[in-house]
């Protein structure tokens, strides 16, 4: 596969109760490209959101769920989540501001 650019790394934010509670600790959860590593995720967050300085990145691979439609059984796509911890002196990420 071709190299992943920083704007292809972060797909969308994860908005759940748990992720919203962790925002007070400057932890933000994103759905990321399945082949992205921690360094690429850190670089993408710092380039896409001005003033954000990443302290640490935790990633987890989520297997696809088993779904059935009648007798046919299939699986949904695999995904990858990243929890990004910002430093104390960095700015907040604004896409979460109104939520």
N, C-alpha and C. Protein backbone atom coordinates (compact mmCIF):
# COMPACT_ATOMS: atom_id res chain seq x y z
N UNK A 1 0.84 -1.19 0.00
CA UNK A 1 0.00 0.00 0.00
C UNK A 1 0.88 1.25 0.00
N UNK A 2 0.38 2.30 -0.58
CA UNK A 2 1.11 3.57 -0.61
C UNK A 2 1.23 4.14 0.79
N UNK A 3 2.18 5.04 0.97
CA UNK A 3 2.36 5.63 2.29
C UNK A 3 1.12 6.44 2.68
N UNK A 4 0.83 6.46 3.97
CA UNK A 4 -0.34 7.14 4.48
C UNK A 4 0.03 8.59 4.79
N UNK A 5 -0.71 9.54 4.26
CA UNK A 5 -0.49 10.95 4.55
C UNK A 5 -1.18 11.30 5.86
N UNK A 6 -0.77 12.41 6.50
CA UNK A 6 -1.30 12.74 7.81
C UNK A 6 -2.80 13.02 7.79
N UNK A 7 -3.32 13.53 6.68
CA UNK A 7 -4.75 13.83 6.60
C UNK A 7 -5.59 12.58 6.34
N UNK A 8 -4.95 11.44 6.03
CA UNK A 8 -5.66 10.17 5.87
C UNK A 8 -5.68 9.36 7.16
N UNK A 9 -4.92 9.76 8.16
CA UNK A 9 -4.77 8.96 9.37
C UNK A 9 -6.03 9.02 10.24
N UNK A 10 -6.50 10.21 10.57
CA UNK A 10 -7.66 10.36 11.44
C UNK A 10 -8.92 10.32 10.59
N UNK A 11 -9.79 9.34 10.86
CA UNK A 11 -11.01 9.20 10.07
C UNK A 11 -12.16 10.00 10.67
N UNK A 12 -12.42 9.83 11.98
CA UNK A 12 -13.47 10.59 12.64
C UNK A 12 -13.33 10.47 14.15
N UNK A 13 -13.92 11.41 14.90
CA UNK A 13 -13.86 11.31 16.37
C UNK A 13 -14.88 10.29 16.86
N UNK A 14 -14.58 9.69 18.00
CA UNK A 14 -15.50 8.75 18.65
C UNK A 14 -16.23 9.54 19.73
N UNK A 15 -17.56 9.58 19.64
CA UNK A 15 -18.36 10.36 20.59
C UNK A 15 -19.23 9.40 21.39
N UNK A 16 -18.75 9.07 22.58
CA UNK A 16 -19.49 8.24 23.52
C UNK A 16 -19.44 8.91 24.88
N UNK A 17 -20.21 8.39 25.83
CA UNK A 17 -20.18 8.96 27.17
C UNK A 17 -18.79 8.86 27.79
N UNK A 18 -18.17 7.73 27.63
CA UNK A 18 -16.84 7.52 28.22
C UNK A 18 -15.81 8.46 27.60
N UNK A 19 -15.85 8.62 26.28
CA UNK A 19 -14.87 9.50 25.65
C UNK A 19 -15.13 10.96 26.00
N UNK A 20 -16.38 11.34 26.20
CA UNK A 20 -16.70 12.72 26.58
C UNK A 20 -16.24 13.01 28.02
N UNK A 21 -16.35 12.03 28.90
CA UNK A 21 -15.89 12.22 30.28
C UNK A 21 -14.37 12.36 30.34
N UNK A 22 -13.66 11.65 29.48
CA UNK A 22 -12.20 11.71 29.51
C UNK A 22 -11.65 12.99 28.87
N UNK A 23 -12.50 13.78 28.22
CA UNK A 23 -12.04 15.03 27.62
C UNK A 23 -11.61 16.04 28.68
N UNK A 24 -12.13 15.94 29.89
CA UNK A 24 -11.71 16.86 30.95
C UNK A 24 -10.25 16.62 31.34
N UNK A 25 -9.74 15.41 31.08
CA UNK A 25 -8.33 15.07 31.32
C UNK A 25 -7.48 15.27 30.08
N UNK A 26 -8.04 15.94 29.06
CA UNK A 26 -7.38 16.18 27.77
C UNK A 26 -7.05 14.87 27.05
N UNK A 27 -7.98 13.92 27.11
CA UNK A 27 -7.87 12.67 26.34
C UNK A 27 -8.96 12.68 25.28
N UNK A 28 -8.56 12.48 24.03
CA UNK A 28 -9.49 12.51 22.91
C UNK A 28 -9.41 11.18 22.16
N UNK A 29 -10.56 10.67 21.74
CA UNK A 29 -10.65 9.37 21.08
C UNK A 29 -11.00 9.56 19.62
N UNK A 30 -10.25 8.90 18.74
CA UNK A 30 -10.47 8.99 17.30
C UNK A 30 -10.50 7.60 16.69
N UNK A 31 -11.25 7.47 15.60
CA UNK A 31 -11.17 6.29 14.74
C UNK A 31 -10.07 6.60 13.74
N UNK A 32 -9.08 5.72 13.60
CA UNK A 32 -7.93 6.00 12.75
C UNK A 32 -7.78 4.92 11.68
N UNK A 33 -6.91 5.19 10.72
CA UNK A 33 -6.62 4.25 9.64
C UNK A 33 -6.04 2.97 10.25
N UNK A 34 -6.49 1.79 9.81
CA UNK A 34 -6.02 0.52 10.43
C UNK A 34 -4.52 0.28 10.34
N UNK A 35 -3.85 0.89 9.37
CA UNK A 35 -2.41 0.66 9.21
C UNK A 35 -1.56 1.78 9.81
N UNK A 36 -2.18 2.75 10.45
CA UNK A 36 -1.44 3.87 11.03
C UNK A 36 -0.79 3.44 12.35
N UNK A 37 0.44 3.91 12.58
CA UNK A 37 1.11 3.61 13.84
C UNK A 37 1.04 4.83 14.76
N UNK A 38 1.58 4.69 15.96
CA UNK A 38 1.45 5.75 16.97
C UNK A 38 2.15 7.04 16.56
N UNK A 39 3.29 6.93 15.91
CA UNK A 39 4.01 8.13 15.47
C UNK A 39 3.22 8.89 14.41
N UNK A 40 2.59 8.17 13.48
CA UNK A 40 1.78 8.81 12.45
C UNK A 40 0.56 9.48 13.06
N UNK A 41 -0.05 8.86 14.06
CA UNK A 41 -1.22 9.43 14.73
C UNK A 41 -0.83 10.71 15.46
N UNK A 42 0.30 10.67 16.16
CA UNK A 42 0.79 11.86 16.88
C UNK A 42 1.04 13.00 15.91
N UNK A 43 1.71 12.72 14.80
CA UNK A 43 2.01 13.74 13.80
C UNK A 43 0.73 14.32 13.20
N UNK A 44 -0.25 13.45 12.94
CA UNK A 44 -1.50 13.91 12.33
C UNK A 44 -2.28 14.82 13.27
N UNK A 45 -2.34 14.50 14.55
CA UNK A 45 -3.07 15.33 15.51
C UNK A 45 -2.39 16.69 15.65
N UNK A 46 -1.07 16.70 15.73
CA UNK A 46 -0.36 17.97 15.90
C UNK A 46 -0.45 18.85 14.65
N UNK A 47 -0.53 18.25 13.45
CA UNK A 47 -0.65 19.05 12.23
C UNK A 47 -2.08 19.51 11.98
N UNK A 48 -3.06 18.67 12.29
CA UNK A 48 -4.45 19.00 11.98
C UNK A 48 -5.06 19.98 12.98
N UNK A 49 -4.66 19.90 14.23
CA UNK A 49 -5.24 20.75 15.26
C UNK A 49 -4.15 21.67 15.80
N UNK A 50 -4.26 22.93 15.46
CA UNK A 50 -3.22 23.91 15.79
C UNK A 50 -3.13 24.11 17.31
N UNK A 51 -1.93 24.07 17.84
CA UNK A 51 -1.70 24.28 19.27
C UNK A 51 -1.79 23.03 20.11
N UNK A 52 -2.08 21.88 19.50
CA UNK A 52 -2.18 20.62 20.24
C UNK A 52 -0.80 19.97 20.31
N UNK A 53 -0.37 19.61 21.51
CA UNK A 53 0.89 18.90 21.71
C UNK A 53 0.56 17.55 22.35
N UNK A 54 0.93 16.48 21.69
CA UNK A 54 0.56 15.14 22.13
C UNK A 54 1.56 14.62 23.15
N UNK A 55 1.05 14.14 24.27
CA UNK A 55 1.87 13.54 25.31
C UNK A 55 2.04 12.05 25.05
N UNK A 56 0.92 11.35 24.78
CA UNK A 56 0.98 9.91 24.51
C UNK A 56 -0.18 9.50 23.63
N UNK A 57 -0.02 8.33 22.99
CA UNK A 57 -1.05 7.76 22.13
C UNK A 57 -1.21 6.29 22.50
N UNK A 58 -2.44 5.89 22.78
CA UNK A 58 -2.76 4.48 23.02
C UNK A 58 -3.67 4.03 21.88
N UNK A 59 -3.38 2.87 21.30
CA UNK A 59 -4.17 2.36 20.19
C UNK A 59 -4.76 1.00 20.54
N UNK A 60 -5.87 0.69 19.88
CA UNK A 60 -6.48 -0.63 20.04
C UNK A 60 -7.14 -1.05 18.74
N UNK A 61 -6.94 -2.30 18.38
CA UNK A 61 -7.56 -2.87 17.18
C UNK A 61 -8.87 -3.51 17.58
N UNK A 62 -9.94 -3.12 16.90
CA UNK A 62 -11.27 -3.65 17.19
C UNK A 62 -11.64 -4.63 16.08
N UNK A 63 -11.92 -5.87 16.44
CA UNK A 63 -12.35 -6.85 15.45
C UNK A 63 -13.76 -6.52 14.95
N UNK A 64 -14.08 -6.99 13.76
CA UNK A 64 -15.42 -6.78 13.23
C UNK A 64 -16.43 -7.64 13.97
N UNK A 65 -17.65 -7.13 14.10
CA UNK A 65 -18.70 -7.87 14.78
C UNK A 65 -19.35 -8.85 13.82
N UNK A 66 -19.82 -9.96 14.36
CA UNK A 66 -20.51 -10.95 13.55
C UNK A 66 -21.96 -10.50 13.38
N UNK A 67 -22.41 -10.44 12.14
CA UNK A 67 -23.78 -10.03 11.81
C UNK A 67 -24.41 -11.11 10.96
N UNK A 68 -25.73 -11.27 11.11
CA UNK A 68 -26.41 -12.23 10.25
C UNK A 68 -27.69 -11.62 9.70
N UNK A 69 -28.00 -12.07 8.53
CA UNK A 69 -29.23 -11.66 7.86
C UNK A 69 -29.87 -12.94 7.36
N UNK A 70 -30.75 -13.47 8.16
CA UNK A 70 -31.34 -14.77 7.85
C UNK A 70 -30.30 -15.86 8.07
N UNK A 71 -30.06 -16.68 7.07
CA UNK A 71 -29.09 -17.76 7.19
C UNK A 71 -27.68 -17.31 6.84
N UNK A 72 -27.53 -16.14 6.27
CA UNK A 72 -26.23 -15.65 5.84
C UNK A 72 -25.53 -14.98 7.02
N UNK A 73 -24.30 -15.42 7.29
CA UNK A 73 -23.52 -14.85 8.39
C UNK A 73 -22.32 -14.13 7.80
N UNK A 74 -22.06 -12.91 8.29
CA UNK A 74 -20.92 -12.14 7.82
C UNK A 74 -20.31 -11.37 8.96
N UNK A 75 -19.30 -10.58 8.66
CA UNK A 75 -18.63 -9.76 9.67
C UNK A 75 -18.53 -8.33 9.17
N UNK A 76 -18.58 -7.39 10.11
CA UNK A 76 -18.34 -5.99 9.77
C UNK A 76 -16.84 -5.77 9.66
N UNK A 77 -16.44 -4.62 9.18
CA UNK A 77 -15.03 -4.33 8.96
C UNK A 77 -14.30 -4.13 10.29
N UNK A 78 -13.00 -4.45 10.29
CA UNK A 78 -12.14 -4.18 11.45
C UNK A 78 -11.90 -2.68 11.52
N UNK A 79 -11.72 -2.17 12.75
CA UNK A 79 -11.42 -0.76 12.93
C UNK A 79 -10.26 -0.62 13.91
N UNK A 80 -9.74 0.59 14.00
CA UNK A 80 -8.67 0.89 14.95
C UNK A 80 -9.01 2.19 15.64
N UNK A 81 -8.92 2.20 16.98
CA UNK A 81 -9.19 3.39 17.77
C UNK A 81 -7.90 3.88 18.38
N UNK A 82 -7.80 5.20 18.56
CA UNK A 82 -6.64 5.80 19.21
C UNK A 82 -7.13 6.76 20.27
N UNK A 83 -6.55 6.66 21.48
CA UNK A 83 -6.82 7.61 22.55
C UNK A 83 -5.58 8.48 22.67
N UNK A 84 -5.76 9.78 22.42
CA UNK A 84 -4.66 10.72 22.37
C UNK A 84 -4.69 11.57 23.64
N UNK A 85 -3.59 11.55 24.41
CA UNK A 85 -3.44 12.37 25.62
C UNK A 85 -2.63 13.60 25.27
N UNK A 86 -3.19 14.79 25.51
CA UNK A 86 -2.48 16.03 25.24
C UNK A 86 -1.73 16.49 26.48
N UNK A 87 -0.71 17.32 26.27
CA UNK A 87 0.04 17.87 27.41
C UNK A 87 -0.81 18.93 28.10
N UNK A 88 -0.38 19.30 29.31
CA UNK A 88 -1.14 20.28 30.10
C UNK A 88 -1.16 21.66 29.47
N UNK A 89 -0.06 22.05 28.80
CA UNK A 89 0.01 23.40 28.24
C UNK A 89 -0.51 23.51 26.82
N UNK A 90 -1.04 22.43 26.24
CA UNK A 90 -1.55 22.49 24.87
C UNK A 90 -3.00 22.98 24.86
N UNK A 91 -3.41 23.47 23.69
CA UNK A 91 -4.78 23.94 23.52
C UNK A 91 -5.72 22.74 23.37
N UNK A 92 -7.00 22.97 23.71
CA UNK A 92 -8.01 21.92 23.51
C UNK A 92 -8.32 21.78 22.02
N UNK A 93 -8.83 20.63 21.65
CA UNK A 93 -9.24 20.39 20.26
C UNK A 93 -10.65 20.94 20.09
N UNK A 94 -10.85 21.83 19.13
CA UNK A 94 -12.09 22.58 19.01
C UNK A 94 -13.27 21.82 18.45
N UNK A 95 -13.05 20.69 17.78
CA UNK A 95 -14.20 19.98 17.20
C UNK A 95 -15.08 19.40 18.30
N UNK A 96 -14.54 19.27 19.51
CA UNK A 96 -15.31 18.75 20.63
C UNK A 96 -15.91 19.87 21.49
N UNK A 97 -15.71 21.12 21.13
CA UNK A 97 -16.06 22.25 22.00
C UNK A 97 -17.57 22.35 22.24
N UNK A 98 -18.40 22.16 21.25
CA UNK A 98 -19.84 22.35 21.40
C UNK A 98 -20.58 21.13 21.89
N UNK A 99 -19.89 20.05 22.15
CA UNK A 99 -20.57 18.80 22.54
C UNK A 99 -20.70 18.67 24.03
